[in-house]
Amino acid sequence: MRVLDSHLHLWDPEVLEYTWLEGPLAYAFADLELEHARIDGVRDEAAVFVQAECVERQHLDEVRWVESIAPQAGVRAIVAGARLDRGAATTAHLDALAASRFVVGVRHILQGEQDGFAVSSAFVAGAREVAARGWSFDICIRDRQLPEAARLAQAVPELRMVLDHLGKPVVGTAGSPQAPSAGWVSDLHALARHPQVFCKLSGLPSEAGGDWSAAQVQPFLDAAADAFGADRLMWGSDWPVSAIGPAEAGDPHAPADGSPTYQYTARDRWARVVADWATARGFDVDAIMWRNAAEFYRV
């Protein structure tokens, strides 16, 4: 098996500034740390770096830093940070990003924006600028925003988009799993009717607080396959965000108070669960674990 991780984060608080890092995530997770989170037994492993929400003024610095460690980290492409609602400033920023041969797309995190923001005239204008460069857009939203993402897809049909983390549905935990809600399934299908939109099989471990099981997440993977078809699905680790949760068995560094910690095997486990699910469903494992992401991001 070969793996192209479509959703890898890297950061170092000593290099760039991040206002959101806390707890077990408030440390460096870069090429050295990734080396200890490799997926066992794969013949080829590479990744697409997705912006890690450093402060806005450092978005270009983040690209340059990732470029500097790309060979060691196996990064083939970069989804850069960009505000798409800034008019001429957006255009200038995209022009600056174009100097990097690694940049293939951008992400403006939408999950915290007000309702209607993604279909505002300013944002749509910025999205069209992204499409004009042949780049893609990563849709990072909450499940309630899926209808708005569909409206954006309708407004800018020339823009290739990919839904991060299946739209962050409520999944529960391994001990208290939640079934996919009818509303999320319906909204996912509505978004998938737009052929330029793909979906990442990523982020569900984080939505479960790191306490998840294969049986718990499989209904969500099935729903994504029903909506998008296996040819528009791509695996992503969401590392290291999705590697935080209850200590794994045998972890000698487990916090004595039982608080969340870094799970050393989480990335490998998520890859195995998705690959095993795809195999069991008769899907093309290489497409989901490598080719679909390679073709979408053009790497």
Protein backbone atom coordinates (compact mmCIF):
# COMPACT_ATOMS: atom_id res chain seq x y z
CA MET A 1 0.00 0.00 0.00
CA ARG A 2 1.12 3.58 -0.66
CA VAL A 3 -0.23 6.57 1.23
CA LEU A 4 -0.56 10.22 0.25
CA ASP A 5 -1.77 11.98 3.38
CA SER A 6 -4.12 14.68 2.09
CA HIS A 7 -4.32 16.54 5.41
CA LEU A 8 -1.09 16.90 7.35
CA HIS A 9 -0.29 19.73 9.73
CA LEU A 10 3.19 20.78 10.84
CA TRP A 11 4.11 23.56 13.25
CA ASP A 12 6.79 24.88 15.55
CA PRO A 13 5.85 27.59 18.08
CA GLU A 14 9.49 28.66 18.19
CA VAL A 15 9.37 29.51 14.47
CA LEU A 16 5.84 30.87 13.96
CA GLU A 17 3.09 32.25 16.18
CA TYR A 18 -0.12 30.33 16.86
CA THR A 19 -2.83 31.67 19.15
CA TRP A 20 -4.86 28.45 19.34
CA LEU A 21 -2.32 25.86 20.48
CA GLU A 22 -2.80 24.54 23.99
CA GLY A 23 -2.24 21.45 26.09
CA PRO A 24 -0.55 18.54 24.32
CA LEU A 25 -0.58 20.43 21.00
CA ALA A 26 1.47 23.36 22.29
CA TYR A 27 4.76 21.81 21.22
CA ALA A 28 6.67 21.39 17.98
CA PHE A 29 5.19 18.90 15.53
CA ALA A 30 7.50 19.07 12.54
CA ASP A 31 9.61 16.71 10.44
CA LEU A 32 11.39 15.06 13.37
CA GLU A 33 8.16 14.35 15.23
CA LEU A 34 6.49 13.11 12.05
CA GLU A 35 9.30 10.61 11.55
CA HIS A 36 8.06 8.85 14.68
CA ALA A 37 4.47 8.82 13.37
CA ARG A 38 5.10 7.08 10.06
CA ILE A 39 2.64 4.46 8.83
CA ASP A 40 4.04 0.96 9.17
CA GLY A 41 4.55 -1.24 6.15
CA VAL A 42 3.70 1.20 3.34
CA ARG A 43 5.94 1.22 0.30
CA ASP A 44 5.60 4.95 -0.32
CA GLU A 45 4.42 7.74 1.96
CA ALA A 46 3.99 11.41 1.11
CA ALA A 47 1.78 14.27 2.24
CA VAL A 48 -0.07 17.46 1.43
CA PHE A 49 0.56 20.10 4.09
CA VAL A 50 -2.56 22.04 5.10
CA GLN A 51 -2.08 25.42 6.75
CA ALA A 52 -1.97 25.23 10.53
CA GLU A 53 -3.52 28.63 11.32
CA CYS A 54 -0.51 30.60 12.37
CA VAL A 55 -1.27 34.30 12.76
CA GLU A 56 -2.38 35.85 9.48
CA ARG A 57 0.66 38.05 8.98
CA GLN A 58 2.84 34.91 8.88
CA HIS A 59 0.95 32.97 6.19
CA LEU A 60 3.77 33.47 3.70
CA ASP A 61 6.36 32.66 6.35
CA GLU A 62 4.54 29.39 7.00
CA VAL A 63 4.84 28.44 3.34
CA ARG A 64 8.56 29.21 3.35
CA TRP A 65 9.13 27.24 6.55
CA VAL A 66 7.29 24.18 5.24
CA GLU A 67 9.25 24.42 1.99
CA SER A 68 12.45 24.27 4.04
CA ILE A 69 11.50 20.96 5.67
CA ALA A 70 9.46 19.49 2.81
CA PRO A 71 12.06 16.88 1.74
CA GLN A 72 12.43 15.55 5.28
CA ALA A 73 8.67 15.56 5.92
CA GLY A 74 7.70 14.08 2.55
CA VAL A 75 5.55 17.10 1.70
CA ARG A 76 4.66 17.21 -2.00
CA ALA A 77 2.28 20.19 -1.93
CA ILE A 78 1.01 23.00 0.28
CA VAL A 79 -2.50 24.27 0.97
CA ALA A 80 -1.65 27.77 2.17
CA GLY A 81 -3.47 30.08 4.52
CA ALA A 82 -5.34 32.93 2.83
CA ARG A 83 -8.12 35.34 3.69
CA LEU A 84 -10.40 35.43 0.67
CA ASP A 85 -12.55 38.39 1.70
CA ARG A 86 -9.98 41.18 1.46
CA GLY A 87 -10.40 42.36 -2.13
CA ALA A 88 -7.16 43.77 -3.52
CA ALA A 89 -5.25 42.51 -0.48
CA THR A 90 -6.46 38.98 -1.25
CA THR A 91 -5.27 39.30 -4.84
CA ALA A 92 -1.86 40.53 -3.70
CA HIS A 93 -1.53 37.68 -1.20
CA LEU A 94 -2.45 35.06 -3.80
CA ASP A 95 0.08 36.59 -6.17
CA ALA A 96 2.75 36.26 -3.48
CA LEU A 97 1.79 32.63 -2.81
CA ALA A 98 2.18 31.89 -6.52
CA ALA A 99 5.94 32.33 -6.14
CA SER A 100 6.02 28.96 -4.40
CA ARG A 101 6.03 25.87 -6.61
CA PHE A 102 4.55 23.91 -3.68
CA VAL A 103 1.31 25.89 -3.33
CA VAL A 104 -1.61 24.07 -4.98
CA GLY A 105 -4.51 25.45 -3.00
CA VAL A 106 -5.60 27.63 -0.09
CA ARG A 107 -7.68 27.41 3.04
CA HIS A 108 -9.63 30.16 4.75
CA ILE A 109 -11.10 28.47 7.82
CA LEU A 110 -14.85 29.04 7.73
CA GLN A 111 -16.02 27.20 10.83
CA GLY A 112 -15.87 30.32 13.00
CA GLU A 113 -17.32 32.78 10.49
CA GLN A 114 -20.82 34.22 10.68
CA ASP A 115 -23.67 32.64 8.71
CA GLY A 116 -23.64 33.78 5.10
CA PHE A 117 -19.95 34.70 5.09
CA ALA A 118 -18.92 32.03 2.55
CA VAL A 119 -21.44 33.30 0.01
CA SER A 120 -20.81 37.01 0.58
CA SER A 121 -19.77 38.97 -2.49
CA ALA A 122 -16.29 39.60 -1.08
CA PHE A 123 -15.61 35.95 -0.32
CA VAL A 124 -17.00 34.69 -3.63
CA ALA A 125 -14.77 37.17 -5.46
CA GLY A 126 -11.76 35.79 -3.62
CA ALA A 127 -12.82 32.21 -4.37
CA ARG A 128 -12.99 33.06 -8.06
CA GLU A 129 -9.44 34.43 -7.84
CA VAL A 130 -8.33 31.05 -6.44
CA ALA A 131 -10.07 29.19 -9.26
CA ALA A 132 -8.49 31.48 -11.86
CA ARG A 133 -5.07 30.30 -10.70
CA GLY A 134 -6.04 26.66 -11.08
CA TRP A 135 -5.83 26.11 -7.33
CA SER A 136 -8.21 24.28 -5.00
CA PHE A 137 -10.00 25.33 -1.83
CA ASP A 138 -10.23 23.34 1.42
CA ILE A 139 -13.63 23.72 3.10
CA CYS A 140 -13.18 23.67 6.89
CA ILE A 141 -16.65 24.01 8.41
CA ARG A 142 -18.99 22.62 11.06
CA ASP A 143 -21.82 20.30 10.04
CA ARG A 144 -24.44 23.09 10.28
CA GLN A 145 -22.55 24.98 7.54
CA LEU A 146 -22.84 22.24 4.90
CA PRO A 147 -25.77 23.96 3.13
CA GLU A 148 -23.72 27.16 2.86
CA ALA A 149 -20.81 25.18 1.39
CA ALA A 150 -23.21 23.86 -1.24
CA ARG A 151 -24.25 27.42 -2.05
CA LEU A 152 -20.59 28.36 -2.46
CA ALA A 153 -20.06 25.40 -4.79
CA GLN A 154 -23.01 26.57 -6.86
CA ALA A 155 -21.73 30.15 -6.94
CA VAL A 156 -18.20 29.17 -8.05
CA PRO A 157 -18.55 25.93 -10.06
CA GLU A 158 -15.11 26.42 -11.60
CA LEU A 159 -13.42 26.07 -8.20
CA ARG A 160 -12.28 22.60 -7.14
CA MET A 161 -13.13 22.16 -3.47
CA VAL A 162 -12.61 19.47 -0.85
CA LEU A 163 -14.58 19.08 2.37
CA ASP A 164 -12.28 18.69 5.37
CA HIS A 165 -13.17 16.16 8.07
CA LEU A 166 -16.52 15.18 6.49
CA GLY A 167 -17.90 18.51 7.72
CA LYS A 168 -17.23 17.63 11.37
CA PRO A 169 -20.36 15.62 12.18
CA VAL A 170 -21.25 14.63 15.74
CA VAL A 171 -19.78 11.14 16.18
CA GLY A 172 -19.83 10.52 19.93
CA THR A 173 -17.12 8.34 21.44
CA ALA A 174 -16.15 4.69 21.29
CA GLY A 175 -18.14 3.98 24.44
CA SER A 176 -21.06 6.21 23.49
CA PRO A 177 -21.23 6.31 19.69
CA GLN A 178 -23.62 8.55 17.78
CA ALA A 179 -25.22 7.42 14.53
CA PRO A 180 -24.97 9.80 11.56
CA SER A 181 -27.80 12.31 11.82
CA ALA A 182 -30.38 12.45 9.05
CA GLY A 183 -29.67 16.15 8.58
CA TRP A 184 -25.93 15.67 8.15
CA VAL A 185 -26.48 12.83 5.65
CA SER A 186 -28.95 14.91 3.64
CA ASP A 187 -26.68 17.97 3.64
CA LEU A 188 -23.66 15.85 2.67
CA HIS A 189 -25.55 14.47 -0.33
CA ALA A 190 -26.62 17.98 -1.36
CA LEU A 191 -23.00 19.16 -1.32
CA ALA A 192 -21.85 16.07 -3.21
CA ARG A 193 -24.22 16.88 -6.08
CA HIS A 194 -21.64 19.45 -7.12
CA PRO A 195 -19.10 17.40 -9.09
CA GLN A 196 -16.15 19.70 -8.33
CA VAL A 197 -16.40 18.93 -4.59
CA PHE A 198 -14.41 16.09 -3.01
CA CYS A 199 -14.37 14.82 0.59
CA LYS A 200 -11.56 14.01 3.00
CA LEU A 201 -11.83 10.98 5.24
CA SER A 202 -10.15 12.81 8.07
CA GLY A 203 -10.75 14.42 11.42
CA LEU A 204 -13.25 11.99 12.93
CA PRO A 205 -10.80 10.89 15.67
CA SER A 206 -10.56 14.51 16.77
CA GLU A 207 -14.35 14.91 16.74
CA ALA A 208 -14.47 11.91 19.11
CA GLY A 209 -11.93 13.52 21.42
CA GLY A 210 -9.43 10.83 20.50
CA ASP A 211 -11.70 8.13 21.96
CA TRP A 212 -12.91 6.26 18.88
CA SER A 213 -13.27 2.82 17.34
CA ALA A 214 -13.52 1.40 13.84
CA ALA A 215 -17.11 0.31 14.41
CA GLN A 216 -18.03 3.81 15.55
CA VAL A 217 -16.69 5.65 12.50
CA GLN A 218 -17.62 3.17 9.75
CA PRO A 219 -21.21 4.45 9.35
CA PHE A 220 -19.81 7.94 8.66
CA LEU A 221 -17.36 6.58 6.10
CA ASP A 222 -20.23 4.67 4.47
CA ALA A 223 -22.32 7.84 4.30
CA ALA A 224 -19.46 9.74 2.64
CA ALA A 225 -19.01 6.96 0.08
CA ASP A 226 -22.74 6.90 -0.65
CA ALA A 227 -22.73 10.65 -1.21
CA PHE A 228 -19.49 11.23 -3.11
CA GLY A 229 -18.59 7.85 -4.53
CA ALA A 230 -15.20 6.29 -3.85
CA ASP A 231 -13.58 8.29 -6.66
CA ARG A 232 -14.05 11.57 -4.76
CA LEU A 233 -12.80 10.41 -1.36
CA MET A 234 -9.25 10.87 -0.03
CA TRP A 235 -7.62 9.79 3.20
CA GLY A 236 -6.14 12.39 5.53
CA SER A 237 -4.57 11.99 8.95
CA ASP A 238 -5.27 15.45 10.42
CA TRP A 239 -2.02 14.85 12.31
CA PRO A 240 -1.30 15.85 14.99
CA VAL A 241 -4.72 17.33 15.85
CA SER A 242 -6.36 13.92 15.55
CA ALA A 243 -3.64 12.29 17.64
CA ILE A 244 -4.76 13.77 20.96
CA GLY A 245 -6.95 11.84 23.37
CA PRO A 246 -6.86 9.26 26.16
CA ALA A 247 -3.46 7.68 26.68
CA GLU A 248 -2.86 4.54 24.67
CA ALA A 249 -2.27 1.25 26.46
CA GLY A 250 1.32 0.89 27.57
CA ASP A 251 2.19 4.57 27.15
CA PRO A 252 4.96 5.17 29.73
CA HIS A 253 4.34 8.92 29.54
CA ALA A 254 0.59 8.76 30.24
CA PRO A 255 -0.54 11.67 32.45
CA ALA A 256 -1.24 10.52 35.99
CA ASP A 257 -4.46 12.55 36.07
CA GLY A 258 -5.87 10.89 32.94
CA SER A 259 -5.89 14.10 30.92
CA PRO A 260 -5.65 13.99 27.11
CA THR A 261 -2.21 13.31 25.68
CA TYR A 262 -0.45 12.62 22.41
CA GLN A 263 -1.30 9.19 20.99
CA TYR A 264 1.81 7.79 19.32
CA THR A 265 0.02 5.26 17.08
CA ALA A 266 -3.05 7.35 16.19
CA ARG A 267 -1.97 8.24 12.66
CA ASP A 268 -1.13 4.66 11.80
CA ARG A 269 -4.38 3.36 13.33
CA TRP A 270 -6.52 5.82 11.35
CA ALA A 271 -4.81 4.84 8.10
CA ARG A 272 -5.38 1.15 8.82
CA VAL A 273 -9.04 1.63 9.72
CA VAL A 274 -9.81 3.55 6.52
CA ALA A 275 -7.82 1.15 4.32
CA ASP A 276 -9.49 -1.88 5.92
CA TRP A 277 -12.91 -0.27 5.51
CA ALA A 278 -12.23 0.44 1.84
CA THR A 279 -11.06 -3.12 1.29
CA ALA A 280 -14.15 -4.55 2.99
CA ARG A 281 -16.43 -2.38 0.85
CA GLY A 282 -14.70 -3.42 -2.37
CA PHE A 283 -13.37 0.07 -3.13
CA ASP A 284 -10.07 0.85 -4.83
CA VAL A 285 -7.80 1.25 -1.81
CA ASP A 286 -5.00 2.87 -3.81
CA ALA A 287 -7.43 5.51 -5.10
CA ILE A 288 -8.63 6.47 -1.62
CA MET A 289 -5.21 6.31 0.02
CA TRP A 290 -3.22 7.93 -2.83
CA ARG A 291 -4.55 8.56 -6.35
CA ASN A 292 -7.62 10.68 -5.65
CA ALA A 293 -5.60 13.14 -3.57
CA ALA A 294 -2.75 13.14 -6.11
CA GLU A 295 -5.13 13.96 -8.94
CA PHE A 296 -7.12 16.54 -6.96
CA TYR A 297 -4.04 18.42 -5.76
CA ARG A 298 -2.20 17.77 -9.03
CA VAL A 299 0.94 16.36 -7.45
